[in-house]
């Protein structure tokens, strides 16, 4: 199966890039299943029902969340009507789930959404949650497992690779909106610390630069806004999964000036022993 993952979709510029390019990308690269992170999709904070429908119409199969999952309260009923995830390490009393399984071309694919700890809302331990969830999925016969790890700290994301390499098919980080240059495959696990945003690229993490600059210069906070006009980017990772392992992976960057950049994953296995 060939799956694709899109990181934080930031506001209307991000949604516009998906409307413009996603169907074309799916056809050109013969993508079977698309996962995308929704948590900034509605003016940068959360997801509305209108925008959820808009993103599904673009060709997204399931959407994952993060620390802004609950910013729009109308998201709660959407967990019953849409293919939406929220971080799986929220307490069990929280609406929704962070793990769903799908059948693609005769094979099962589990998608897990987790949230890190540094500078994030209170949740249960992401690493223990990941271990127990992966174990349960494998006992159910699910081999292909993908994780969106929504975390601020690069060390947490890297540690998740060290913990689960060889056990899951792919781990890609979200949240920082800044793409990293470390797409790799280790022991059959595709890994990227952060895929980067889909939205405005000529400001501060997809937001108008005025308020962030004022905050950094004076310490005074303000409301972050998404520019009405900006230079835009779509960032998407494509991975080939088979029998629980990633056989091939690459990342595409689509710019609104028609440039396209492709980066292939490198292969390097890491040995880690837990005592």
Foldseek 3Di string as FASTA:
>chain_A
DKEKEFEEQAEPQLLVCLQVPVVVVCVVVVHFAYEYEHQRHHQGAEDDPVSQVSNVVSPHQAYEYEQRHPVDVNCQCVLVVHRYAYAQQAPPVDGHHQWDWDATPNAIEIEGEHEDDVPGDDGHHRLVSVVVVLVVCVVVVHQEYEYEYEYDDLVVQVVSCVSQQLSHAEYEYHHQQDFDDAFAHANQYTYGSHQHYWGADPAHSQWHNPQVVCCVVPVDHDDTGGDPDHWGKTKMKMFDDDRNGTPWIKIWIATPVGDIDIGTHYYDYDDDDDD
